[in-house]
Amino acid sequence: MQIRTALAEDYEQMLGLLQQLNPADPAPTDAVYRAFEEILGSESLLLFVAESDGKLLGSCYLNLIPNMSRGGRPYAVIENVITDSAHRQQGIGQTLLSHTLNAAWEAGCYKAMLMSGRKDPGVHTFYRSCGFNADEKQAYIHRAPAGTDGS
């Protein structure tokens, strides 16, 4: 298994992983493909994948965000940590997160954050085992009103 930055040819397999993460999401549109292209073309948006023999086993998305506090050091937000359901409990997610955190530290980030909406206690145990602290900050979410582009 190797961890690498996603490539354009990973798009279809990425859609499969995202479907596992959010089965209720609508079918992909051109906007999803444009977002994928934007991520691939950015130095501050990094999509890492775990791949073996041409198959994507997992993914992790890193956002490097400029910051005016902390001496101008950026911070990181990690999203869409996914391990293919047929390959869980094999260390893939932990390896992906370790690689992603190293990329954040190499970019000079002073912290990395992630949020999880999962209710499964095992998911939270997993994140804690990767070094994340659920007690340090409180997250708040405000969703776009129904019927807007953010719905």
C-alpha atoms as a PDB file:
ATOM      1  CA  MET A   1       0.000   0.000   0.000  1.00  0.00           C
ATOM      2  CA  GLN A   2       1.179   3.509  -0.749  1.00  0.00           C
ATOM      3  CA  ILE A   3      -0.100   6.892   0.359  1.00  0.00           C
ATOM      4  CA  ARG A   4       0.001   9.495  -2.390  1.00  0.00           C
ATOM      5  CA  THR A   5      -1.680  12.645  -3.608  1.00  0.00           C
ATOM      6  CA  ALA A   6      -4.814  11.976  -5.629  1.00  0.00           C
ATOM      7  CA  LEU A   7      -4.620  12.091  -9.407  1.00  0.00           C
ATOM      8  CA  ALA A   8      -7.238  12.993 -12.021  1.00  0.00           C
ATOM      9  CA  GLU A   9      -7.676   9.298 -12.855  1.00  0.00           C
ATOM     10  CA  ASP A  10      -8.770   8.622  -9.248  1.00  0.00           C
ATOM     11  CA  TYR A  11     -12.059  10.489  -9.707  1.00  0.00           C
ATOM     12  CA  GLU A  12     -14.393   7.505 -10.223  1.00  0.00           C
ATOM     13  CA  GLN A  13     -12.911   5.550  -7.322  1.00  0.00           C
ATOM     14  CA  MET A  14     -13.102   8.651  -5.115  1.00  0.00           C
ATOM     15  CA  LEU A  15     -16.825   8.853  -5.878  1.00  0.00           C
ATOM     16  CA  GLY A  16     -17.157   5.280  -4.626  1.00  0.00           C
ATOM     17  CA  LEU A  17     -15.385   6.117  -1.362  1.00  0.00           C
ATOM     18  CA  LEU A  18     -17.497   9.245  -0.885  1.00  0.00           C
ATOM     19  CA  GLN A  19     -20.646   7.177  -1.468  1.00  0.00           C
ATOM     20  CA  GLN A  20     -19.588   4.966   1.453  1.00  0.00           C
ATOM     21  CA  LEU A  21     -19.043   8.046   3.625  1.00  0.00           C
ATOM     22  CA  ASN A  22     -22.378   9.698   2.782  1.00  0.00           C
ATOM     23  CA  PRO A  23     -24.744   7.202   1.127  1.00  0.00           C
ATOM     24  CA  ALA A  24     -27.598   9.741   1.046  1.00  0.00           C
ATOM     25  CA  ASP A  25     -25.648  12.288  -1.030  1.00  0.00           C
ATOM     26  CA  PRO A  26     -27.197  13.111  -4.398  1.00  0.00           C
ATOM     27  CA  ALA A  27     -25.646  11.718  -7.569  1.00  0.00           C
ATOM     28  CA  PRO A  28     -22.448  13.554  -8.530  1.00  0.00           C
ATOM     29  CA  THR A  29     -22.845  16.572 -10.791  1.00  0.00           C
ATOM     30  CA  ASP A  30     -20.438  18.681 -12.808  1.00  0.00           C
ATOM     31  CA  ALA A  31     -19.962  20.762  -9.647  1.00  0.00           C
ATOM     32  CA  VAL A  32     -18.465  17.724  -7.883  1.00  0.00           C
ATOM     33  CA  TYR A  33     -16.004  17.197 -10.720  1.00  0.00           C
ATOM     34  CA  ARG A  34     -15.089  20.901 -10.736  1.00  0.00           C
ATOM     35  CA  ALA A  35     -14.461  20.721  -6.972  1.00  0.00           C
ATOM     36  CA  PHE A  36     -12.221  17.679  -7.537  1.00  0.00           C
ATOM     37  CA  GLU A  37     -10.280  19.572 -10.214  1.00  0.00           C
ATOM     38  CA  GLU A  38      -9.934  22.609  -7.933  1.00  0.00           C
ATOM     39  CA  ILE A  39      -8.580  20.439  -5.124  1.00  0.00           C
ATOM     40  CA  LEU A  40      -6.051  18.798  -7.450  1.00  0.00           C
ATOM     41  CA  GLY A  41      -4.925  22.187  -8.762  1.00  0.00           C
ATOM     42  CA  SER A  42      -4.400  23.843  -5.380  1.00  0.00           C
ATOM     43  CA  GLU A  43      -1.309  23.928  -3.175  1.00  0.00           C
ATOM     44  CA  SER A  44      -3.419  24.426  -0.048  1.00  0.00           C
ATOM     45  CA  LEU A  45      -6.062  21.759  -0.704  1.00  0.00           C
ATOM     46  CA  LEU A  46      -4.543  18.292  -0.566  1.00  0.00           C
ATOM     47  CA  LEU A  47      -6.344  15.033  -1.191  1.00  0.00           C
ATOM     48  CA  PHE A  48      -4.383  11.974  -0.113  1.00  0.00           C
ATOM     49  CA  VAL A  49      -5.292   8.428  -1.061  1.00  0.00           C
ATOM     50  CA  ALA A  50      -4.214   5.001   0.093  1.00  0.00           C
ATOM     51  CA  GLU A  51      -3.758   2.817  -2.970  1.00  0.00           C
ATOM     52  CA  SER A  52      -2.826  -0.802  -3.549  1.00  0.00           C
ATOM     53  CA  ASP A  53      -2.642  -2.506  -6.927  1.00  0.00           C
ATOM     54  CA  GLY A  54      -4.629   0.293  -8.583  1.00  0.00           C
ATOM     55  CA  LYS A  55      -7.455   0.233  -6.028  1.00  0.00           C
ATOM     56  CA  LEU A  56      -8.158   3.121  -3.684  1.00  0.00           C
ATOM     57  CA  LEU A  57      -8.480   1.805  -0.146  1.00  0.00           C
ATOM     58  CA  GLY A  58      -9.028   5.156   1.552  1.00  0.00           C
ATOM     59  CA  SER A  59      -8.738   8.913   1.360  1.00  0.00           C
ATOM     60  CA  CYS A  60      -8.180  11.957   3.540  1.00  0.00           C
ATOM     61  CA  TYR A  61      -8.632  15.614   2.591  1.00  0.00           C
ATOM     62  CA  LEU A  62      -6.360  18.319   4.073  1.00  0.00           C
ATOM     63  CA  ASN A  63      -7.165  22.030   3.943  1.00  0.00           C
ATOM     64  CA  LEU A  64      -4.260  24.372   4.757  1.00  0.00           C
ATOM     65  CA  ILE A  65      -5.719  27.683   5.886  1.00  0.00           C
ATOM     66  CA  PRO A  66      -3.778  30.962   6.129  1.00  0.00           C
ATOM     67  CA  ASN A  67      -3.992  32.606   9.527  1.00  0.00           C
ATOM     68  CA  MET A  68      -3.264  36.041  10.964  1.00  0.00           C
ATOM     69  CA  SER A  69      -2.784  34.854  14.548  1.00  0.00           C
ATOM     70  CA  ARG A  70      -0.076  32.517  15.885  1.00  0.00           C
ATOM     71  CA  GLY A  71       2.604  34.526  14.101  1.00  0.00           C
ATOM     72  CA  GLY A  72       0.934  33.978  10.747  1.00  0.00           C
ATOM     73  CA  ARG A  73       1.210  30.200  10.969  1.00  0.00           C
ATOM     74  CA  PRO A  74      -1.527  28.364   9.073  1.00  0.00           C
ATOM     75  CA  TYR A  75      -3.816  25.764  10.564  1.00  0.00           C
ATOM     76  CA  ALA A  76      -5.240  22.613   9.025  1.00  0.00           C
ATOM     77  CA  VAL A  77      -8.721  21.196   8.722  1.00  0.00           C
ATOM     78  CA  ILE A  78      -9.032  17.518   7.890  1.00  0.00           C
ATOM     79  CA  GLU A  79     -12.172  16.239   6.196  1.00  0.00           C
ATOM     80  CA  ASN A  80     -13.548  13.105   4.580  1.00  0.00           C
ATOM     81  CA  VAL A  81     -11.392  10.503   6.283  1.00  0.00           C
ATOM     82  CA  ILE A  82     -12.590   7.364   4.520  1.00  0.00           C
ATOM     83  CA  THR A  83     -11.458   3.752   4.534  1.00  0.00           C
ATOM     84  CA  ASP A  84     -13.153   1.395   2.104  1.00  0.00           C
ATOM     85  CA  SER A  85     -15.563  -0.756   4.079  1.00  0.00           C
ATOM     86  CA  ALA A  86     -13.906  -3.968   2.848  1.00  0.00           C
ATOM     87  CA  HIS A  87     -10.511  -2.826   4.175  1.00  0.00           C
ATOM     88  CA  ARG A  88     -11.238  -1.405   7.633  1.00  0.00           C
ATOM     89  CA  GLN A  89      -9.374  -2.436  10.798  1.00  0.00           C
ATOM     90  CA  GLN A  90      -6.119  -2.850   8.827  1.00  0.00           C
ATOM     91  CA  GLY A  91      -4.348   0.389   9.800  1.00  0.00           C
ATOM     92  CA  ILE A  92      -5.156   2.197   6.546  1.00  0.00           C
ATOM     93  CA  GLY A  93      -6.982   5.105   8.203  1.00  0.00           C
ATOM     94  CA  GLN A  94      -4.267   5.530  10.808  1.00  0.00           C
ATOM     95  CA  THR A  95      -1.570   5.534   8.110  1.00  0.00           C
ATOM     96  CA  LEU A  96      -3.544   8.073   6.065  1.00  0.00           C
ATOM     97  CA  LEU A  97      -4.041  10.364   9.056  1.00  0.00           C
ATOM     98  CA  SER A  98      -0.382  10.120  10.037  1.00  0.00           C
ATOM     99  CA  HIS A  99       0.649  11.092   6.492  1.00  0.00           C
ATOM    100  CA  THR A 100      -1.891  13.923   6.465  1.00  0.00           C
ATOM    101  CA  LEU A 101      -0.741  15.291   9.818  1.00  0.00           C
ATOM    102  CA  ASN A 102       2.888  15.166   8.685  1.00  0.00           C
ATOM    103  CA  ALA A 103       1.928  17.209   5.621  1.00  0.00           C
ATOM    104  CA  ALA A 104       0.241  19.768   7.891  1.00  0.00           C
ATOM    105  CA  TRP A 105       3.318  20.027  10.130  1.00  0.00           C
ATOM    106  CA  GLU A 106       5.617  20.317   7.101  1.00  0.00           C
ATOM    107  CA  ALA A 107       3.413  23.202   5.875  1.00  0.00           C
ATOM    108  CA  GLY A 108       4.042  24.965   9.197  1.00  0.00           C
ATOM    109  CA  CYS A 109       0.575  24.482  10.661  1.00  0.00           C
ATOM    110  CA  TYR A 110       0.331  25.025  14.390  1.00  0.00           C
ATOM    111  CA  LYS A 111      -2.750  22.782  14.747  1.00  0.00           C
ATOM    112  CA  ALA A 112      -4.886  20.342  12.817  1.00  0.00           C
ATOM    113  CA  MET A 113      -8.601  19.939  13.429  1.00  0.00           C
ATOM    114  CA  LEU A 114     -11.267  17.553  12.302  1.00  0.00           C
ATOM    115  CA  MET A 115     -14.909  17.113  13.133  1.00  0.00           C
ATOM    116  CA  SER A 116     -16.973  13.974  12.978  1.00  0.00           C
ATOM    117  CA  GLY A 117     -20.711  13.673  12.810  1.00  0.00           C
ATOM    118  CA  ARG A 118     -20.528   9.927  13.360  1.00  0.00           C
ATOM    119  CA  LYS A 119     -22.254   8.583  16.458  1.00  0.00           C
ATOM    120  CA  ASP A 120     -20.319   5.295  16.493  1.00  0.00           C
ATOM    121  CA  PRO A 121     -18.077   5.349  19.603  1.00  0.00           C
ATOM    122  CA  GLY A 122     -15.500   3.324  17.657  1.00  0.00           C
ATOM    123  CA  VAL A 123     -14.987   6.239  15.273  1.00  0.00           C
ATOM    124  CA  HIS A 124     -14.209   8.557  18.182  1.00  0.00           C
ATOM    125  CA  THR A 125     -11.923   5.971  19.774  1.00  0.00           C
ATOM    126  CA  PHE A 126     -10.110   5.773  16.434  1.00  0.00           C
ATOM    127  CA  TYR A 127      -9.559   9.543  16.251  1.00  0.00           C
ATOM    128  CA  ARG A 128      -8.335   9.633  19.849  1.00  0.00           C
ATOM    129  CA  SER A 129      -5.929   6.775  19.067  1.00  0.00           C
ATOM    130  CA  CYS A 130      -4.535   8.958  16.271  1.00  0.00           C
ATOM    131  CA  GLY A 131      -3.780  11.729  18.778  1.00  0.00           C
ATOM    132  CA  PHE A 132      -6.841  13.946  18.403  1.00  0.00           C
ATOM    133  CA  ASN A 133      -8.290  15.506  21.557  1.00  0.00           C
ATOM    134  CA  ALA A 134     -12.077  15.827  21.680  1.00  0.00           C
ATOM    135  CA  ASP A 135     -11.999  17.872  24.891  1.00  0.00           C
ATOM    136  CA  GLU A 136      -9.897  20.835  23.759  1.00  0.00           C
ATOM    137  CA  LYS A 137     -12.445  22.802  21.714  1.00  0.00           C
ATOM    138  CA  GLN A 138     -16.163  22.824  20.981  1.00  0.00           C
ATOM    139  CA  ALA A 139     -17.322  22.797  17.353  1.00  0.00           C
ATOM    140  CA  TYR A 140     -20.438  24.590  16.157  1.00  0.00           C
ATOM    141  CA  ILE A 141     -22.139  24.046  12.829  1.00  0.00           C
ATOM    142  CA  HIS A 142     -24.481  26.374  10.958  1.00  0.00           C
ATOM    143  CA  ARG A 143     -25.960  24.870   7.811  1.00  0.00           C
ATOM    144  CA  ALA A 144     -27.145  26.767   4.744  1.00  0.00           C
ATOM    145  CA  PRO A 145     -30.923  27.247   4.602  1.00  0.00           C
ATOM    146  CA  ALA A 146     -32.849  24.697   2.543  1.00  0.00           C
ATOM    147  CA  GLY A 147     -33.231  25.715  -1.061  1.00  0.00           C
ATOM    148  CA  THR A 148     -29.959  27.601  -1.259  1.00  0.00           C
ATOM    149  CA  ASP A 149     -26.927  26.365  -3.159  1.00  0.00           C
ATOM    150  CA  GLY A 150     -25.662  24.875   0.101  1.00  0.00           C
ATOM    151  CA  SER A 151     -28.631  22.519   0.547  1.00  0.00           C
END
